[in-house]
PDB file of N, CA and C in Angstrom:
ATOM      1  N   UNK A   1     131.564 100.729  82.074  1.00  0.00           N
ATOM      2  CA  UNK A   1     130.671 100.993  83.173  1.00  0.00           C
ATOM      3  C   UNK A   1     129.267 100.546  82.778  1.00  0.00           C
ATOM      4  N   UNK A   2     128.649  99.773  83.665  1.00  0.00           N
ATOM      5  CA  UNK A   2     127.297  99.292  83.412  1.00  0.00           C
ATOM      6  C   UNK A   2     126.292 100.227  84.080  1.00  0.00           C
ATOM      7  N   UNK A   3     125.301 100.618  83.329  1.00  0.00           N
ATOM      8  CA  UNK A   3     124.245 101.481  83.854  1.00  0.00           C
ATOM      9  C   UNK A   3     122.975 100.657  83.953  1.00  0.00           C
ATOM     10  N   UNK A   4     122.375 100.669  85.119  1.00  0.00           N
ATOM     11  CA  UNK A   4     121.125  99.935  85.304  1.00  0.00           C
ATOM     12  C   UNK A   4     119.967 100.915  85.387  1.00  0.00           C
ATOM     13  N   UNK A   5     118.833 100.467  84.913  1.00  0.00           N
ATOM     14  CA  UNK A   5     117.644 101.308  84.919  1.00  0.00           C
ATOM     15  C   UNK A   5     117.082 101.372  86.335  1.00  0.00           C
ATOM     16  N   UNK A   6     116.746 102.572  86.789  1.00  0.00           N
ATOM     17  CA  UNK A   6     116.188 102.776  88.119  1.00  0.00           C
ATOM     18  C   UNK A   6     114.679 102.600  88.046  1.00  0.00           C
ATOM     19  N   UNK A   7     114.142 101.797  88.937  1.00  0.00           N
ATOM     20  CA  UNK A   7     112.704 101.567  88.991  1.00  0.00           C
ATOM     21  C   UNK A   7     112.189 102.036  90.345  1.00  0.00           C
ATOM     22  N   UNK A   8     111.361 103.059  90.319  1.00  0.00           N
ATOM     23  CA  UNK A   8     110.812 103.618  91.541  1.00  0.00           C
ATOM     24  C   UNK A   8     110.133 102.552  92.396  1.00  0.00           C
ATOM     25  N   UNK A   9     109.465 101.596  91.757  1.00  0.00           N
ATOM     26  CA  UNK A   9     108.728 100.561  92.486  1.00  0.00           C
ATOM     27  C   UNK A   9     109.635  99.767  93.424  1.00  0.00           C
ATOM     28  N   UNK A  10     110.903  99.619  93.061  1.00  0.00           N
ATOM     29  CA  UNK A  10     111.836  98.875  93.903  1.00  0.00           C
ATOM     30  C   UNK A  10     112.218  99.643  95.163  1.00  0.00           C
ATOM     31  N   UNK A  11     111.938 100.939  95.184  1.00  0.00           N
ATOM     32  CA  UNK A  11     112.294 101.783  96.324  1.00  0.00           C
ATOM     33  C   UNK A  11     111.098 102.140  97.193  1.00  0.00           C
ATOM     34  N   UNK A  12     109.934 101.642  96.833  1.00  0.00           N
ATOM     35  CA  UNK A  12     108.731 101.889  97.629  1.00  0.00           C
ATOM     36  C   UNK A  12     108.525 100.664  98.506  1.00  0.00           C
ATOM     37  N   UNK A  13     108.929 100.800  99.749  1.00  0.00           N
ATOM     38  CA  UNK A  13     108.916  99.663 100.660  1.00  0.00           C
ATOM     39  C   UNK A  13     107.965  99.894 101.827  1.00  0.00           C
ATOM     40  N   UNK A  14     108.030 101.073 102.405  1.00  0.00           N
ATOM     41  CA  UNK A  14     107.242 101.361 103.603  1.00  0.00           C
ATOM     42  C   UNK A  14     106.049 102.256 103.273  1.00  0.00           C
ATOM     43  N   UNK A  15     105.068 102.323 104.162  1.00  0.00           N
ATOM     44  CA  UNK A  15     103.963 103.274 103.969  1.00  0.00           C
ATOM     45  C   UNK A  15     104.469 104.720 103.880  1.00  0.00           C
ATOM     46  N   UNK A  16     105.553 105.018 104.565  1.00  0.00           N
ATOM     47  CA  UNK A  16     106.132 106.360 104.501  1.00  0.00           C
ATOM     48  C   UNK A  16     106.684 106.649 103.105  1.00  0.00           C
ATOM     49  N   UNK A  17     107.251 105.630 102.453  1.00  0.00           N
ATOM     50  CA  UNK A  17     107.725 105.786 101.074  1.00  0.00           C
ATOM     51  C   UNK A  17     106.558 106.132 100.159  1.00  0.00           C
ATOM     52  N   UNK A  18     105.455 105.411 100.320  1.00  0.00           N
ATOM     53  CA  UNK A  18     104.255 105.652  99.513  1.00  0.00           C
ATOM     54  C   UNK A  18     103.812 107.096  99.685  1.00  0.00           C
ATOM     55  N   UNK A  19     103.698 107.527 100.930  1.00  0.00           N
ATOM     56  CA  UNK A  19     103.247 108.886 101.226  1.00  0.00           C
ATOM     57  C   UNK A  19     104.199 109.927 100.651  1.00  0.00           C
ATOM     58  N   UNK A  20     105.493 109.717 100.809  1.00  0.00           N
ATOM     59  CA  UNK A  20     106.476 110.690 100.336  1.00  0.00           C
ATOM     60  C   UNK A  20     106.443 110.842  98.818  1.00  0.00           C
ATOM     61  N   UNK A  21     106.465 109.721  98.094  1.00  0.00           N
ATOM     62  CA  UNK A  21     106.455 109.791  96.633  1.00  0.00           C
ATOM     63  C   UNK A  21     105.160 110.407  96.110  1.00  0.00           C
ATOM     64  N   UNK A  22     104.027 109.964  96.647  1.00  0.00           N
ATOM     65  CA  UNK A  22     102.749 110.470  96.157  1.00  0.00           C
ATOM     66  C   UNK A  22     102.561 111.937  96.522  1.00  0.00           C
ATOM     67  N   UNK A  23     102.940 112.330  97.715  1.00  0.00           N
ATOM     68  CA  UNK A  23     102.823 113.734  98.127  1.00  0.00           C
ATOM     69  C   UNK A  23     103.669 114.638  97.239  1.00  0.00           C
ATOM     70  N   UNK A  24     104.879 114.208  96.926  1.00  0.00           N
ATOM     71  CA  UNK A  24     105.754 115.005  96.061  1.00  0.00           C
ATOM     72  C   UNK A  24     105.148 115.169  94.675  1.00  0.00           C
ATOM     73  N   UNK A  25     104.579 114.097  94.138  1.00  0.00           N
ATOM     74  CA  UNK A  25     103.966 114.172  92.806  1.00  0.00           C
ATOM     75  C   UNK A  25     102.737 115.076  92.822  1.00  0.00           C
ATOM     76  N   UNK A  26     101.913 114.951  93.850  1.00  0.00           N
ATOM     77  CA  UNK A  26     100.723 115.800  93.945  1.00  0.00           C
ATOM     78  C   UNK A  26     101.107 117.264  94.109  1.00  0.00           C
ATOM     79  N   UNK A  27     102.127 117.533  94.884  1.00  0.00           N
ATOM     80  CA  UNK A  27     102.572 118.911  95.088  1.00  0.00           C
ATOM     81  C   UNK A  27     103.111 119.518  93.802  1.00  0.00           C
ATOM     82  N   UNK A  28     103.790 118.710  92.994  1.00  0.00           N
ATOM     83  CA  UNK A  28     104.321 119.201  91.717  1.00  0.00           C
ATOM     84  C   UNK A  28     103.194 119.580  90.765  1.00  0.00           C
ATOM     85  N   UNK A  29     102.051 118.902  90.891  1.00  0.00           N
ATOM     86  CA  UNK A  29     100.876 119.288  90.123  1.00  0.00           C
ATOM     87  C   UNK A  29     100.789 118.764  88.707  1.00  0.00           C
ATOM     88  N   UNK A  30     101.647 117.835  88.329  1.00  0.00           N
ATOM     89  CA  UNK A  30     101.598 117.270  86.983  1.00  0.00           C
ATOM     90  C   UNK A  30     100.857 115.938  87.018  1.00  0.00           C
ATOM     91  N   UNK A  31      99.751 115.851  86.305  1.00  0.00           N
ATOM     92  CA  UNK A  31      98.931 114.636  86.319  1.00  0.00           C
ATOM     93  C   UNK A  31      99.732 113.409  85.896  1.00  0.00           C
ATOM     94  N   UNK A  32     100.581 113.554  84.894  1.00  0.00           N
ATOM     95  CA  UNK A  32     101.374 112.414  84.413  1.00  0.00           C
ATOM     96  C   UNK A  32     102.307 111.900  85.506  1.00  0.00           C
ATOM     97  N   UNK A  33     102.872 112.805  86.300  1.00  0.00           N
ATOM     98  CA  UNK A  33     103.747 112.389  87.398  1.00  0.00           C
ATOM     99  C   UNK A  33     102.963 111.643  88.471  1.00  0.00           C
ATOM    100  N   UNK A  34     101.761 112.122  88.772  1.00  0.00           N
ATOM    101  CA  UNK A  34     100.920 111.470  89.776  1.00  0.00           C
ATOM    102  C   UNK A  34     100.583 110.050  89.327  1.00  0.00           C
ATOM    103  N   UNK A  35     100.176 109.898  88.072  1.00  0.00           N
ATOM    104  CA  UNK A  35      99.833 108.569  87.547  1.00  0.00           C
ATOM    105  C   UNK A  35     101.068 107.672  87.526  1.00  0.00           C
ATOM    106  N   UNK A  36     102.224 108.236  87.179  1.00  0.00           N
ATOM    107  CA  UNK A  36     103.470 107.464  87.184  1.00  0.00           C
ATOM    108  C   UNK A  36     103.774 106.937  88.588  1.00  0.00           C
ATOM    109  N   UNK A  37     103.613 107.778  89.596  1.00  0.00           N
ATOM    110  CA  UNK A  37     103.866 107.358  90.979  1.00  0.00           C
ATOM    111  C   UNK A  37     102.841 106.315  91.417  1.00  0.00           C
ATOM    112  N   UNK A  38     101.572 106.530  91.081  1.00  0.00           N
ATOM    113  CA  UNK A  38     100.543 105.541  91.427  1.00  0.00           C
ATOM    114  C   UNK A  38     100.881 104.199  90.774  1.00  0.00           C
ATOM    115  N   UNK A  39     101.359 104.241  89.532  1.00  0.00           N
ATOM    116  CA  UNK A  39     101.763 103.010  88.845  1.00  0.00           C
ATOM    117  C   UNK A  39     102.918 102.316  89.546  1.00  0.00           C
ATOM    118  N   UNK A  40     103.893 103.096  90.008  1.00  0.00           N
ATOM    119  CA  UNK A  40     105.035 102.518  90.723  1.00  0.00           C
ATOM    120  C   UNK A  40     104.585 101.895  92.046  1.00  0.00           C
ATOM    121  N   UNK A  41     103.688 102.575  92.744  1.00  0.00           N
ATOM    122  CA  UNK A  41     103.160 102.025  93.996  1.00  0.00           C
ATOM    123  C   UNK A  41     102.406 100.732  93.705  1.00  0.00           C
ATOM    124  N   UNK A  42     101.623 100.733  92.631  1.00  0.00           N
ATOM    125  CA  UNK A  42     100.860  99.537  92.254  1.00  0.00           C
ATOM    126  C   UNK A  42     101.793  98.368  91.956  1.00  0.00           C
ATOM    127  N   UNK A  43     102.876  98.631  91.211  1.00  0.00           N
ATOM    128  CA  UNK A  43     103.837  97.562  90.915  1.00  0.00           C
ATOM    129  C   UNK A  43     104.491  97.053  92.196  1.00  0.00           C
ATOM    130  N   UNK A  44     104.798  97.970  93.106  1.00  0.00           N
ATOM    131  CA  UNK A  44     105.429  97.578  94.368  1.00  0.00           C
ATOM    132  C   UNK A  44     104.494  96.722  95.218  1.00  0.00           C
ATOM    133  N   UNK A  45     103.207  96.996  95.159  1.00  0.00           N
ATOM    134  CA  UNK A  45     102.236  96.273  95.982  1.00  0.00           C
ATOM    135  C   UNK A  45     101.728  95.001  95.313  1.00  0.00           C
ATOM    136  N   UNK A  46     101.895  94.904  93.987  1.00  0.00           N
ATOM    137  CA  UNK A  46     101.420  93.730  93.250  1.00  0.00           C
ATOM    138  C   UNK A  46     100.190  94.068  92.426  1.00  0.00           C
ATOM    139  N   UNK A  47     100.364  94.093  91.119  1.00  0.00           N
ATOM    140  CA  UNK A  47      99.306  94.536  90.209  1.00  0.00           C
ATOM    141  C   UNK A  47      98.070  93.639  90.245  1.00  0.00           C
ATOM    142  N   UNK A  48      98.256  92.338  90.291  1.00  0.00           N
ATOM    143  CA  UNK A  48      97.108  91.426  90.244  1.00  0.00           C
ATOM    144  C   UNK A  48      96.211  91.618  91.460  1.00  0.00           C
ATOM    145  N   UNK A  49      96.804  91.620  92.634  1.00  0.00           N
ATOM    146  CA  UNK A  49      96.038  91.800  93.875  1.00  0.00           C
ATOM    147  C   UNK A  49      95.360  93.165  93.892  1.00  0.00           C
ATOM    148  N   UNK A  50      96.099  94.189  93.502  1.00  0.00           N
ATOM    149  CA  UNK A  50      95.566  95.549  93.505  1.00  0.00           C
ATOM    150  C   UNK A  50      94.417  95.695  92.518  1.00  0.00           C
ATOM    151  N   UNK A  51      94.555  95.111  91.339  1.00  0.00           N
ATOM    152  CA  UNK A  51      93.485  95.174  90.335  1.00  0.00           C
ATOM    153  C   UNK A  51      92.211  94.547  90.881  1.00  0.00           C
ATOM    154  N   UNK A  52      92.345  93.397  91.496  1.00  0.00           N
ATOM    155  CA  UNK A  52      91.186  92.714  92.070  1.00  0.00           C
ATOM    156  C   UNK A  52      90.518  93.600  93.129  1.00  0.00           C
ATOM    157  N   UNK A  53      91.316  94.189  94.010  1.00  0.00           N
ATOM    158  CA  UNK A  53      90.781  95.036  95.076  1.00  0.00           C
ATOM    159  C   UNK A  53      90.170  96.328  94.536  1.00  0.00           C
ATOM    160  N   UNK A  54      90.697  96.820  93.410  1.00  0.00           N
ATOM    161  CA  UNK A  54      90.185  98.054  92.813  1.00  0.00           C
ATOM    162  C   UNK A  54      88.983  97.803  91.907  1.00  0.00           C
ATOM    163  N   UNK A  55      88.689  96.531  91.639  1.00  0.00           N
ATOM    164  CA  UNK A  55      87.536  96.201  90.809  1.00  0.00           C
ATOM    165  C   UNK A  55      87.772  96.364  89.322  1.00  0.00           C
ATOM    166  N   UNK A  56      89.036  96.215  88.896  1.00  0.00           N
ATOM    167  CA  UNK A  56      89.369  96.286  87.471  1.00  0.00           C
ATOM    168  C   UNK A  56      90.209  95.062  87.118  1.00  0.00           C
ATOM    169  N   UNK A  57      90.322  94.791  85.829  1.00  0.00           N
ATOM    170  CA  UNK A  57      91.189  93.693  85.409  1.00  0.00           C
ATOM    171  C   UNK A  57      92.647  94.140  85.515  1.00  0.00           C
ATOM    172  N   UNK A  58      93.529  93.172  85.589  1.00  0.00           N
ATOM    173  CA  UNK A  58      94.957  93.488  85.641  1.00  0.00           C
ATOM    174  C   UNK A  58      95.374  94.255  84.395  1.00  0.00           C
ATOM    175  N   UNK A  59      94.847  93.826  83.245  1.00  0.00           N
ATOM    176  CA  UNK A  59      95.176  94.496  81.985  1.00  0.00           C
ATOM    177  C   UNK A  59      94.691  95.940  81.992  1.00  0.00           C
ATOM    178  N   UNK A  60      93.476  96.159  82.510  1.00  0.00           N
ATOM    179  CA  UNK A  60      92.937  97.524  82.581  1.00  0.00           C
ATOM    180  C   UNK A  60      93.774  98.388  83.519  1.00  0.00           C
ATOM    181  N   UNK A  61      94.257  97.794  84.600  1.00  0.00           N
ATOM    182  CA  UNK A  61      95.098  98.539  85.536  1.00  0.00           C
ATOM    183  C   UNK A  61      96.405  98.943  84.866  1.00  0.00           C
ATOM    184  N   UNK A  62      97.052  97.992  84.176  1.00  0.00           N
ATOM    185  CA  UNK A  62      98.281  98.313  83.454  1.00  0.00           C
ATOM    186  C   UNK A  62      98.038  99.407  82.416  1.00  0.00           C
ATOM    187  N   UNK A  63      96.946  99.289  81.666  1.00  0.00           N
ATOM    188  CA  UNK A  63      96.630 100.280  80.635  1.00  0.00           C
ATOM    189  C   UNK A  63      96.382 101.646  81.251  1.00  0.00           C
ATOM    190  N   UNK A  64      95.589 101.687  82.318  1.00  0.00           N
ATOM    191  CA  UNK A  64      95.261 102.956  82.974  1.00  0.00           C
ATOM    192  C   UNK A  64      96.499 103.670  83.490  1.00  0.00           C
ATOM    193  N   UNK A  65      97.458 102.907  83.998  1.00  0.00           N
ATOM    194  CA  UNK A  65      98.637 103.500  84.627  1.00  0.00           C
ATOM    195  C   UNK A  65      99.841 103.582  83.698  1.00  0.00           C
ATOM    196  N   UNK A  66      99.638 103.254  82.423  1.00  0.00           N
ATOM    197  CA  UNK A  66     100.730 103.346  81.452  1.00  0.00           C
ATOM    198  C   UNK A  66     100.946 104.813  81.070  1.00  0.00           C
ATOM    199  N   UNK A  67     102.094 105.134  80.459  1.00  0.00           N
ATOM    200  CA  UNK A  67     102.348 106.523  80.051  1.00  0.00           C
ATOM    201  C   UNK A  67     101.269 107.093  79.125  1.00  0.00           C
ATOM    202  N   UNK A  68     100.624 106.240  78.328  1.00  0.00           N
ATOM    203  CA  UNK A  68      99.563 106.712  77.436  1.00  0.00           C
ATOM    204  C   UNK A  68      98.175 106.507  78.028  1.00  0.00           C
ATOM    205  N   UNK A  69      98.112 106.005  79.249  1.00  0.00           N
ATOM    206  CA  UNK A  69      96.824 105.754  79.894  1.00  0.00           C
ATOM    207  C   UNK A  69      96.126 107.054  80.259  1.00  0.00           C
ATOM    208  N   UNK A  70      94.834 106.963  80.369  1.00  0.00           N
ATOM    209  CA  UNK A  70      94.032 108.123  80.751  1.00  0.00           C
ATOM    210  C   UNK A  70      92.912 107.626  81.664  1.00  0.00           C
ATOM    211  N   UNK A  71      93.274 107.229  82.904  1.00  0.00           N
ATOM    212  CA  UNK A  71      92.266 106.632  83.777  1.00  0.00           C
ATOM    213  C   UNK A  71      91.211 107.644  84.198  1.00  0.00           C
ATOM    214  N   UNK A  72      90.002 107.143  84.390  1.00  0.00           N
ATOM    215  CA  UNK A  72      88.947 108.018  84.903  1.00  0.00           C
ATOM    216  C   UNK A  72      89.258 108.338  86.360  1.00  0.00           C
ATOM    217  N   UNK A  73      88.647 109.395  86.852  1.00  0.00           N
ATOM    218  CA  UNK A  73      88.876 109.794  88.236  1.00  0.00           C
ATOM    219  C   UNK A  73      88.405 108.707  89.191  1.00  0.00           C
ATOM    220  N   UNK A  74      87.279 108.075  88.882  1.00  0.00           N
ATOM    221  CA  UNK A  74      86.772 107.011  89.749  1.00  0.00           C
ATOM    222  C   UNK A  74      87.739 105.831  89.775  1.00  0.00           C
ATOM    223  N   UNK A  75      88.377 105.538  88.640  1.00  0.00           N
ATOM    224  CA  UNK A  75      89.375 104.466  88.610  1.00  0.00           C
ATOM    225  C   UNK A  75      90.551 104.817  89.510  1.00  0.00           C
ATOM    226  N   UNK A  76      91.023 106.056  89.420  1.00  0.00           N
ATOM    227  CA  UNK A  76      92.132 106.495  90.269  1.00  0.00           C
ATOM    228  C   UNK A  76      91.740 106.400  91.740  1.00  0.00           C
ATOM    229  N   UNK A  77      90.538 106.858  92.080  1.00  0.00           N
ATOM    230  CA  UNK A  77      90.083 106.776  93.473  1.00  0.00           C
ATOM    231  C   UNK A  77      90.008 105.331  93.949  1.00  0.00           C
ATOM    232  N   UNK A  78      89.494 104.440  93.102  1.00  0.00           N
ATOM    233  CA  UNK A  78      89.410 103.023  93.474  1.00  0.00           C
ATOM    234  C   UNK A  78      90.790 102.406  93.661  1.00  0.00           C
ATOM    235  N   UNK A  79      91.726 102.773  92.806  1.00  0.00           N
ATOM    236  CA  UNK A  79      93.095 102.269  92.932  1.00  0.00           C
ATOM    237  C   UNK A  79      93.709 102.768  94.240  1.00  0.00           C
ATOM    238  N   UNK A  80      93.573 104.066  94.492  1.00  0.00           N
ATOM    239  CA  UNK A  80      94.123 104.625  95.727  1.00  0.00           C
ATOM    240  C   UNK A  80      93.484 103.987  96.956  1.00  0.00           C
ATOM    241  N   UNK A  81      92.175 103.812  96.921  1.00  0.00           N
ATOM    242  CA  UNK A  81      91.466 103.200  98.048  1.00  0.00           C
ATOM    243  C   UNK A  81      91.986 101.785  98.293  1.00  0.00           C
ATOM    244  N   UNK A  82      92.217 101.040  97.219  1.00  0.00           N
ATOM    245  CA  UNK A  82      92.715  99.672  97.378  1.00  0.00           C
ATOM    246  C   UNK A  82      94.148  99.656  97.915  1.00  0.00           C
ATOM    247  N   UNK A  83      94.863 100.772  97.772  1.00  0.00           N
ATOM    248  CA  UNK A  83      96.210 100.909  98.323  1.00  0.00           C
ATOM    249  C   UNK A  83      96.179 101.384  99.775  1.00  0.00           C
ATOM    250  N   UNK A  84      94.980 101.720 100.252  1.00  0.00           N
ATOM    251  CA  UNK A  84      94.870 102.256 101.605  1.00  0.00           C
ATOM    252  C   UNK A  84      95.160 103.740 101.678  1.00  0.00           C
ATOM    253  N   UNK A  85      94.975 104.422 100.545  1.00  0.00           N
ATOM    254  CA  UNK A  85      95.259 105.855 100.459  1.00  0.00           C
ATOM    255  C   UNK A  85      93.955 106.607 100.224  1.00  0.00           C
ATOM    256  N   UNK A  86      93.774 107.707 100.932  1.00  0.00           N
ATOM    257  CA  UNK A  86      92.631 108.582 100.690  1.00  0.00           C
ATOM    258  C   UNK A  86      93.163 109.964 100.336  1.00  0.00           C
ATOM    259  N   UNK A  87      92.445 110.644  99.463  1.00  0.00           N
ATOM    260  CA  UNK A  87      92.801 112.020  99.131  1.00  0.00           C
ATOM    261  C   UNK A  87      92.096 112.948 100.107  1.00  0.00           C
ATOM    262  N   UNK A  88      92.782 114.002 100.502  1.00  0.00           N
ATOM    263  CA  UNK A  88      92.194 114.997 101.378  1.00  0.00           C
ATOM    264  C   UNK A  88      92.400 116.365 100.764  1.00  0.00           C
ATOM    265  N   UNK A  89      91.384 117.210 100.899  1.00  0.00           N
ATOM    266  CA  UNK A  89      91.484 118.576 100.395  1.00  0.00           C
ATOM    267  C   UNK A  89      92.234 119.432 101.410  1.00  0.00           C
ATOM    268  N   UNK A  90      93.084 120.299 100.894  1.00  0.00           N
ATOM    269  CA  UNK A  90      93.829 121.219 101.744  1.00  0.00           C
ATOM    270  C   UNK A  90      93.899 122.550 101.025  1.00  0.00           C
ATOM    271  N   UNK A  91      93.562 123.614 101.716  1.00  0.00           N
ATOM    272  CA  UNK A  91      93.579 124.942 101.114  1.00  0.00           C
ATOM    273  C   UNK A  91      95.021 125.360 100.841  1.00  0.00           C
ATOM    274  N   UNK A  92      95.234 125.871  99.639  1.00  0.00           N
ATOM    275  CA  UNK A  92      96.530 126.389  99.239  1.00  0.00           C
ATOM    276  C   UNK A  92      96.443 127.906  99.205  1.00  0.00           C
ATOM    277  N   UNK A  93      97.460 128.611  99.694  1.00  0.00           N
ATOM    278  CA  UNK A  93      97.429 130.073  99.594  1.00  0.00           C
ATOM    279  C   UNK A  93      97.238 130.502  98.142  1.00  0.00           C
ATOM    280  N   UNK A  94      96.419 131.506  97.921  1.00  0.00           N
ATOM    281  CA  UNK A  94      96.061 131.948  96.566  1.00  0.00           C
ATOM    282  C   UNK A  94      97.286 132.234  95.709  1.00  0.00           C
ATOM    283  N   UNK A  95      98.334 132.789  96.296  1.00  0.00           N
ATOM    284  CA  UNK A  95      99.512 133.134  95.496  1.00  0.00           C
ATOM    285  C   UNK A  95     100.287 131.903  95.035  1.00  0.00           C
ATOM    286  N   UNK A  96      99.972 130.746  95.590  1.00  0.00           N
ATOM    287  CA  UNK A  96     100.682 129.529  95.205  1.00  0.00           C
ATOM    288  C   UNK A  96      99.853 128.602  94.332  1.00  0.00           C
ATOM    289  N   UNK A  97      98.650 128.984  93.972  1.00  0.00           N
ATOM    290  CA  UNK A  97      97.805 128.113  93.167  1.00  0.00           C
ATOM    291  C   UNK A  97      98.407 127.921  91.782  1.00  0.00           C
ATOM    292  N   UNK A  98      98.641 126.674  91.381  1.00  0.00           N
ATOM    293  CA  UNK A  98      99.168 126.428  90.036  1.00  0.00           C
ATOM    294  C   UNK A  98      98.066 126.564  88.995  1.00  0.00           C
ATOM    295  N   UNK A  99      98.454 126.917  87.809  1.00  0.00           N
ATOM    296  CA  UNK A  99      97.513 126.999  86.701  1.00  0.00           C
ATOM    297  C   UNK A  99      97.595 125.685  85.943  1.00  0.00           C
ATOM    298  N   UNK A 100      96.478 124.984  85.855  1.00  0.00           N
ATOM    299  CA  UNK A 100      96.436 123.701  85.160  1.00  0.00           C
ATOM    300  C   UNK A 100      96.020 123.926  83.714  1.00  0.00           C
ATOM    301  N   UNK A 101      96.692 123.249  82.816  1.00  0.00           N
ATOM    302  CA  UNK A 101      96.361 123.390  81.392  1.00  0.00           C
ATOM    303  C   UNK A 101      95.327 122.377  80.994  1.00  0.00           C
TER     304      UNK A 101
END
């Protein structure tokens, strides 16, 4: 039996896919998951074009979105903006607030 590696980027086709994957990662509250999803969206949309639109080099984009990357918040915002995504604040009930380490 042959096992193939699953790549999230290959399954991000529509704007609804982008929203669903990113919303799920944000709801889970793990920064690494959010960056992983942003990286998959970036690969699906094309890293070179996205890097240019975000105002970073392609290499910097790959580094920022790698598992060991640690992008600044402004870099993340610029990447999201270049993807046509904006972050919005939404109040969470106090009993559901996650504790961030």
